[in-house]
PDB file of all heavy atoms in Angstrom:
ATOM      1  N   ILE A   1       4.201 -62.813 -15.205  1.00  0.00           N
ATOM      2  CA  ILE A   1       4.211 -62.023 -13.965  1.00  0.00           C
ATOM      3  C   ILE A   1       2.874 -62.122 -13.241  1.00  0.00           C
ATOM      4  O   ILE A   1       2.827 -62.151 -12.004  1.00  0.00           O
ATOM      5  CB  ILE A   1       4.563 -60.550 -14.276  1.00  0.00           C
ATOM      6  CG1 ILE A   1       6.026 -60.449 -14.742  1.00  0.00           C
ATOM      7  CG2 ILE A   1       4.327 -59.653 -13.063  1.00  0.00           C
ATOM      8  CD1 ILE A   1       6.415 -59.069 -15.245  1.00  0.00           C
ATOM      9  N   PHE A   2       1.770 -62.198 -13.998  1.00  0.00           N
ATOM     10  CA  PHE A   2       0.457 -62.235 -13.372  1.00  0.00           C
ATOM     11  C   PHE A   2       0.239 -63.519 -12.565  1.00  0.00           C
ATOM     12  O   PHE A   2      -0.574 -63.528 -11.639  1.00  0.00           O
ATOM     13  CB  PHE A   2      -0.652 -62.058 -14.421  1.00  0.00           C
ATOM     14  CG  PHE A   2      -1.151 -60.647 -14.509  1.00  0.00           C
ATOM     15  CD1 PHE A   2      -0.325 -59.637 -14.995  1.00  0.00           C
ATOM     16  CD2 PHE A   2      -2.419 -60.312 -14.088  1.00  0.00           C
ATOM     17  CE1 PHE A   2      -0.763 -58.328 -15.069  1.00  0.00           C
ATOM     18  CE2 PHE A   2      -2.880 -59.004 -14.148  1.00  0.00           C
ATOM     19  CZ  PHE A   2      -2.050 -58.015 -14.632  1.00  0.00           C
ATOM     20  N   THR A   3       0.937 -64.589 -12.904  1.00  0.00           N
ATOM     21  CA  THR A   3       0.873 -65.795 -12.079  1.00  0.00           C
ATOM     22  C   THR A   3       1.448 -65.520 -10.695  1.00  0.00           C
ATOM     23  O   THR A   3       0.916 -65.982  -9.676  1.00  0.00           O
ATOM     24  CB  THR A   3       1.645 -66.953 -12.746  1.00  0.00           C
ATOM     25  OG1 THR A   3       1.167 -67.133 -14.083  1.00  0.00           O
ATOM     26  CG2 THR A   3       1.463 -68.252 -11.966  1.00  0.00           C
ATOM     27  N   TRP A   4       2.542 -64.728 -10.635  1.00  0.00           N
ATOM     28  CA  TRP A   4       3.150 -64.333  -9.363  1.00  0.00           C
ATOM     29  C   TRP A   4       2.202 -63.468  -8.546  1.00  0.00           C
ATOM     30  O   TRP A   4       2.062 -63.649  -7.334  1.00  0.00           O
ATOM     31  CB  TRP A   4       4.446 -63.562  -9.629  1.00  0.00           C
ATOM     32  CG  TRP A   4       5.562 -64.401 -10.126  1.00  0.00           C
ATOM     33  CD1 TRP A   4       5.822 -64.730 -11.418  1.00  0.00           C
ATOM     34  CD2 TRP A   4       6.571 -65.046  -9.351  1.00  0.00           C
ATOM     35  NE1 TRP A   4       6.938 -65.527 -11.506  1.00  0.00           N
ATOM     36  CE2 TRP A   4       7.419 -65.731 -10.251  1.00  0.00           C
ATOM     37  CE3 TRP A   4       6.848 -65.090  -7.987  1.00  0.00           C
ATOM     38  CZ2 TRP A   4       8.514 -66.460  -9.819  1.00  0.00           C
ATOM     39  CZ3 TRP A   4       7.945 -65.819  -7.557  1.00  0.00           C
ATOM     40  CH2 TRP A   4       8.768 -66.489  -8.462  1.00  0.00           C
ATOM     41  N   ILE A   5       1.548 -62.529  -9.227  1.00  0.00           N
ATOM     42  CA  ILE A   5       0.605 -61.647  -8.527  1.00  0.00           C
ATOM     43  C   ILE A   5      -0.527 -62.463  -7.909  1.00  0.00           C
ATOM     44  O   ILE A   5      -0.918 -62.252  -6.756  1.00  0.00           O
ATOM     45  CB  ILE A   5       0.039 -60.588  -9.495  1.00  0.00           C
ATOM     46  CG1 ILE A   5       1.164 -59.660  -9.978  1.00  0.00           C
ATOM     47  CG2 ILE A   5      -1.067 -59.772  -8.824  1.00  0.00           C
ATOM     48  CD1 ILE A   5       0.742 -58.689 -11.057  1.00  0.00           C
ATOM     49  N   GLY A   6      -1.053 -63.415  -8.687  1.00  0.00           N
ATOM     50  CA  GLY A   6      -2.127 -64.259  -8.176  1.00  0.00           C
ATOM     51  C   GLY A   6      -1.707 -65.084  -6.972  1.00  0.00           C
ATOM     52  O   GLY A   6      -2.451 -65.204  -5.990  1.00  0.00           O
ATOM     53  N   ALA A   7      -0.498 -65.655  -7.031  1.00  0.00           N
ATOM     54  CA  ALA A   7      -0.002 -66.440  -5.896  1.00  0.00           C
ATOM     55  C   ALA A   7       0.167 -65.576  -4.656  1.00  0.00           C
ATOM     56  O   ALA A   7      -0.151 -65.998  -3.536  1.00  0.00           O
ATOM     57  CB  ALA A   7       1.325 -67.110  -6.266  1.00  0.00           C
ATOM     58  N   GLY A   8       0.660 -64.346  -4.854  1.00  0.00           N
ATOM     59  CA  GLY A   8       0.807 -63.432  -3.722  1.00  0.00           C
ATOM     60  C   GLY A   8      -0.530 -63.102  -3.086  1.00  0.00           C
ATOM     61  O   GLY A   8      -0.660 -63.078  -1.852  1.00  0.00           O
ATOM     62  N   ILE A   9      -1.545 -62.863  -3.910  1.00  0.00           N
ATOM     63  CA  ILE A   9      -2.887 -62.601  -3.388  1.00  0.00           C
ATOM     64  C   ILE A   9      -3.419 -63.824  -2.642  1.00  0.00           C
ATOM     65  O   ILE A   9      -4.059 -63.697  -1.590  1.00  0.00           O
ATOM     66  CB  ILE A   9      -3.850 -62.210  -4.535  1.00  0.00           C
ATOM     67  CG1 ILE A   9      -3.414 -60.885  -5.161  1.00  0.00           C
ATOM     68  CG2 ILE A   9      -5.286 -62.101  -4.026  1.00  0.00           C
ATOM     69  CD1 ILE A   9      -4.181 -60.511  -6.410  1.00  0.00           C
ATOM     70  N   GLY A  10      -3.118 -65.015  -3.178  1.00  0.00           N
ATOM     71  CA  GLY A  10      -3.559 -66.253  -2.524  1.00  0.00           C
ATOM     72  C   GLY A  10      -2.987 -66.399  -1.125  1.00  0.00           C
ATOM     73  O   GLY A  10      -3.680 -66.827  -0.199  1.00  0.00           O
ATOM     74  N   ILE A  11      -1.714 -66.030  -0.969  1.00  0.00           N
ATOM     75  CA  ILE A  11      -1.079 -66.097   0.356  1.00  0.00           C
ATOM     76  C   ILE A  11      -1.729 -65.094   1.303  1.00  0.00           C
ATOM     77  O   ILE A  11      -1.999 -65.389   2.476  1.00  0.00           O
ATOM     78  CB  ILE A  11       0.437 -65.823   0.232  1.00  0.00           C
ATOM     79  CG1 ILE A  11       1.110 -66.946  -0.566  1.00  0.00           C
ATOM     80  CG2 ILE A  11       1.072 -65.719   1.617  1.00  0.00           C
ATOM     81  CD1 ILE A  11       2.557 -66.674  -0.898  1.00  0.00           C
ATOM     82  N   LEU A  12      -2.010 -63.890   0.786  1.00  0.00           N
ATOM     83  CA  LEU A  12      -2.640 -62.856   1.613  1.00  0.00           C
ATOM     84  C   LEU A  12      -4.051 -63.253   2.040  1.00  0.00           C
ATOM     85  O   LEU A  12      -4.525 -62.852   3.114  1.00  0.00           O
ATOM     86  CB  LEU A  12      -2.696 -61.524   0.845  1.00  0.00           C
ATOM     87  CG  LEU A  12      -1.339 -60.857   0.555  1.00  0.00           C
ATOM     88  CD1 LEU A  12      -1.533 -59.624  -0.313  1.00  0.00           C
ATOM     89  CD2 LEU A  12      -0.635 -60.488   1.859  1.00  0.00           C
ATOM     90  N   LEU A  13      -4.715 -64.062   1.206  1.00  0.00           N
ATOM     91  CA  LEU A  13      -6.085 -64.485   1.508  1.00  0.00           C
ATOM     92  C   LEU A  13      -6.140 -65.744   2.374  1.00  0.00           C
ATOM     93  O   LEU A  13      -7.215 -66.278   2.620  1.00  0.00           O
ATOM     94  CB  LEU A  13      -6.861 -64.747   0.209  1.00  0.00           C
ATOM     95  CG  LEU A  13      -7.165 -63.519  -0.666  1.00  0.00           C
ATOM     96  CD1 LEU A  13      -7.821 -63.967  -1.967  1.00  0.00           C
ATOM     97  CD2 LEU A  13      -8.061 -62.547   0.080  1.00  0.00           C
ATOM     98  N   ALA A  14      -4.961 -66.212   2.804  1.00  0.00           N
ATOM     99  CA  ALA A  14      -4.901 -67.472   3.561  1.00  0.00           C
ATOM    100  C   ALA A  14      -5.779 -67.428   4.812  1.00  0.00           C
ATOM    101  O   ALA A  14      -6.318 -68.442   5.246  1.00  0.00           O
ATOM    102  CB  ALA A  14      -3.457 -67.786   3.943  1.00  0.00           C
ATOM    103  N   GLY A  15      -5.941 -66.249   5.392  1.00  0.00           N
ATOM    104  CA  GLY A  15      -6.746 -66.141   6.612  1.00  0.00           C
ATOM    105  C   GLY A  15      -8.236 -66.047   6.357  1.00  0.00           C
ATOM    106  O   GLY A  15      -9.037 -66.162   7.287  1.00  0.00           O
ATOM    107  N   LEU A  16      -8.628 -65.851   5.090  1.00  0.00           N
ATOM    108  CA  LEU A  16     -10.056 -65.723   4.760  1.00  0.00           C
ATOM    109  C   LEU A  16     -10.582 -67.030   4.166  1.00  0.00           C
ATOM    110  O   LEU A  16     -11.053 -67.079   3.037  1.00  0.00           O
ATOM    111  CB  LEU A  16     -10.257 -64.571   3.760  1.00  0.00           C
ATOM    112  CG  LEU A  16      -9.752 -63.199   4.195  1.00  0.00           C
ATOM    113  CD1 LEU A  16      -9.903 -62.198   3.054  1.00  0.00           C
ATOM    114  CD2 LEU A  16     -10.525 -62.715   5.436  1.00  0.00           C
ATOM    115  N   LYS A  17     -10.511 -68.075   4.949  1.00  0.00           N
ATOM    116  CA  LYS A  17     -10.831 -69.407   4.448  1.00  0.00           C
ATOM    117  C   LYS A  17     -12.285 -69.532   3.988  1.00  0.00           C
ATOM    118  O   LYS A  17     -12.606 -70.329   3.120  1.00  0.00           O
ATOM    119  CB  LYS A  17     -10.508 -70.464   5.512  1.00  0.00           C
ATOM    120  CG  LYS A  17      -9.028 -70.539   5.850  1.00  0.00           C
ATOM    121  CD  LYS A  17      -8.696 -71.753   6.660  1.00  0.00           C
ATOM    122  CE  LYS A  17      -7.203 -71.821   6.959  1.00  0.00           C
ATOM    123  NZ  LYS A  17      -6.396 -72.017   5.753  1.00  0.00           N
ATOM    124  N   ASP A  18     -13.182 -68.751   4.580  1.00  0.00           N
ATOM    125  CA  ASP A  18     -14.597 -68.828   4.203  1.00  0.00           C
ATOM    126  C   ASP A  18     -14.851 -68.269   2.804  1.00  0.00           C
ATOM    127  O   ASP A  18     -15.864 -68.589   2.178  1.00  0.00           O
ATOM    128  CB  ASP A  18     -15.460 -68.061   5.213  1.00  0.00           C
ATOM    129  CG  ASP A  18     -15.458 -68.711   6.593  1.00  0.00           C
ATOM    130  OD1 ASP A  18     -15.162 -69.925   6.652  1.00  0.00           O
ATOM    131  OD2 ASP A  18     -15.737 -68.009   7.579  1.00  0.00           O
ATOM    132  N   PHE A  19     -13.925 -67.444   2.297  1.00  0.00           N
ATOM    133  CA  PHE A  19     -14.150 -66.783   1.006  1.00  0.00           C
ATOM    134  C   PHE A  19     -13.190 -67.260  -0.083  1.00  0.00           C
ATOM    135  O   PHE A  19     -13.345 -66.872  -1.242  1.00  0.00           O
ATOM    136  CB  PHE A  19     -14.006 -65.265   1.164  1.00  0.00           C
ATOM    137  CG  PHE A  19     -14.967 -64.669   2.153  1.00  0.00           C
ATOM    138  CD1 PHE A  19     -14.555 -64.372   3.445  1.00  0.00           C
ATOM    139  CD2 PHE A  19     -16.281 -64.421   1.799  1.00  0.00           C
ATOM    140  CE1 PHE A  19     -15.442 -63.819   4.364  1.00  0.00           C
ATOM    141  CE2 PHE A  19     -17.165 -63.873   2.705  1.00  0.00           C
ATOM    142  CZ  PHE A  19     -16.752 -63.579   3.993  1.00  0.00           C
ATOM    143  N   GLN A  20     -12.218 -68.076   0.275  1.00  0.00           N
ATOM    144  CA  GLN A  20     -11.202 -68.475  -0.692  1.00  0.00           C
ATOM    145  C   GLN A  20     -11.805 -69.169  -1.915  1.00  0.00           C
ATOM    146  O   GLN A  20     -11.540 -68.795  -3.061  1.00  0.00           O
ATOM    147  CB  GLN A  20     -10.176 -69.407  -0.024  1.00  0.00           C
ATOM    148  CG  GLN A  20      -9.213 -68.697   0.898  1.00  0.00           C
ATOM    149  CD  GLN A  20      -8.259 -69.670   1.553  1.00  0.00           C
ATOM    150  OE1 GLN A  20      -8.414 -70.889   1.458  1.00  0.00           O
ATOM    151  NE2 GLN A  20      -7.267 -69.140   2.236  1.00  0.00           N
ATOM    152  N   GLU A  21     -12.620 -70.199  -1.672  1.00  0.00           N
ATOM    153  CA  GLU A  21     -13.180 -70.976  -2.768  1.00  0.00           C
ATOM    154  C   GLU A  21     -14.070 -70.126  -3.663  1.00  0.00           C
ATOM    155  O   GLU A  21     -14.046 -70.264  -4.889  1.00  0.00           O
ATOM    156  CB  GLU A  21     -13.965 -72.176  -2.237  1.00  0.00           C
ATOM    157  CG  GLU A  21     -13.101 -73.328  -1.771  1.00  0.00           C
ATOM    158  CD  GLU A  21     -13.925 -74.578  -1.508  1.00  0.00           C
ATOM    159  OE1 GLU A  21     -15.170 -74.470  -1.437  1.00  0.00           O
ATOM    160  OE2 GLU A  21     -13.338 -75.660  -1.391  1.00  0.00           O
ATOM    161  N   ILE A  22     -14.860 -69.243  -3.051  1.00  0.00           N
ATOM    162  CA  ILE A  22     -15.772 -68.396  -3.819  1.00  0.00           C
ATOM    163  C   ILE A  22     -14.996 -67.445  -4.728  1.00  0.00           C
ATOM    164  O   ILE A  22     -15.336 -67.271  -5.914  1.00  0.00           O
ATOM    165  CB  ILE A  22     -16.694 -67.577  -2.882  1.00  0.00           C
ATOM    166  CG1 ILE A  22     -17.550 -68.510  -2.029  1.00  0.00           C
ATOM    167  CG2 ILE A  22     -17.571 -66.638  -3.695  1.00  0.00           C
ATOM    168  CD1 ILE A  22     -18.480 -69.390  -2.829  1.00  0.00           C
ATOM    169  N   ILE A  23     -13.927 -66.840  -4.190  1.00  0.00           N
ATOM    170  CA  ILE A  23     -13.122 -65.898  -4.977  1.00  0.00           C
ATOM    171  C   ILE A  23     -12.515 -66.588  -6.190  1.00  0.00           C
ATOM    172  O   ILE A  23     -12.591 -66.088  -7.320  1.00  0.00           O
ATOM    173  CB  ILE A  23     -12.027 -65.265  -4.102  1.00  0.00           C
ATOM    174  CG1 ILE A  23     -12.655 -64.370  -3.026  1.00  0.00           C
ATOM    175  CG2 ILE A  23     -11.048 -64.461  -4.957  1.00  0.00           C
ATOM    176  CD1 ILE A  23     -11.674 -63.894  -1.978  1.00  0.00           C
ATOM    177  N   VAL A  24     -11.913 -67.759  -5.972  1.00  0.00           N
ATOM    178  CA  VAL A  24     -11.300 -68.504  -7.069  1.00  0.00           C
ATOM    179  C   VAL A  24     -12.369 -68.963  -8.056  1.00  0.00           C
ATOM    180  O   VAL A  24     -12.184 -68.874  -9.279  1.00  0.00           O
ATOM    181  CB  VAL A  24     -10.510 -69.720  -6.535  1.00  0.00           C
ATOM    182  CG1 VAL A  24     -10.007 -70.574  -7.699  1.00  0.00           C
ATOM    183  CG2 VAL A  24      -9.333 -69.254  -5.693  1.00  0.00           C
ATOM    184  N   ALA A  25     -13.520 -69.449  -7.553  1.00  0.00           N
ATOM    185  CA  ALA A  25     -14.587 -69.948  -8.415  1.00  0.00           C
ATOM    186  C   ALA A  25     -15.144 -68.846  -9.314  1.00  0.00           C
ATOM    187  O   ALA A  25     -15.385 -69.065 -10.506  1.00  0.00           O
ATOM    188  CB  ALA A  25     -15.704 -70.558  -7.573  1.00  0.00           C
ATOM    189  N   VAL A  26     -15.354 -67.650  -8.745  1.00  0.00           N
ATOM    190  CA  VAL A  26     -15.853 -66.520  -9.541  1.00  0.00           C
ATOM    191  C   VAL A  26     -14.846 -66.168 -10.639  1.00  0.00           C
ATOM    192  O   VAL A  26     -15.210 -65.979 -11.808  1.00  0.00           O
ATOM    193  CB  VAL A  26     -16.128 -65.294  -8.648  1.00  0.00           C
ATOM    194  CG1 VAL A  26     -16.368 -64.054  -9.502  1.00  0.00           C
ATOM    195  CG2 VAL A  26     -17.334 -65.553  -7.754  1.00  0.00           C
ATOM    196  N   GLY A  27     -13.579 -66.090 -10.271  1.00  0.00           N
ATOM    197  CA  GLY A  27     -12.543 -65.745 -11.245  1.00  0.00           C
ATOM    198  C   GLY A  27     -12.424 -66.756 -12.364  1.00  0.00           C
ATOM    199  O   GLY A  27     -12.338 -66.390 -13.546  1.00  0.00           O
ATOM    200  N   LEU A  28     -12.446 -68.038 -12.015  1.00  0.00           N
ATOM    201  CA  LEU A  28     -12.333 -69.084 -13.031  1.00  0.00           C
ATOM    202  C   LEU A  28     -13.594 -69.160 -13.895  1.00  0.00           C
ATOM    203  O   LEU A  28     -13.522 -69.493 -15.084  1.00  0.00           O
ATOM    204  CB  LEU A  28     -12.059 -70.437 -12.370  1.00  0.00           C
ATOM    205  CG  LEU A  28     -10.692 -70.570 -11.684  1.00  0.00           C
ATOM    206  CD1 LEU A  28     -10.533 -71.958 -11.078  1.00  0.00           C
ATOM    207  CD2 LEU A  28      -9.557 -70.297 -12.675  1.00  0.00           C
TER     208      LEU A  28
END
């Protein structure tokens, strides 16, 4: 289920292109 939650957050963050890579990089 958490994979679904992450994908949903990714779609919501689609407009924040300047922060997308940083958010994923910090999490990973």
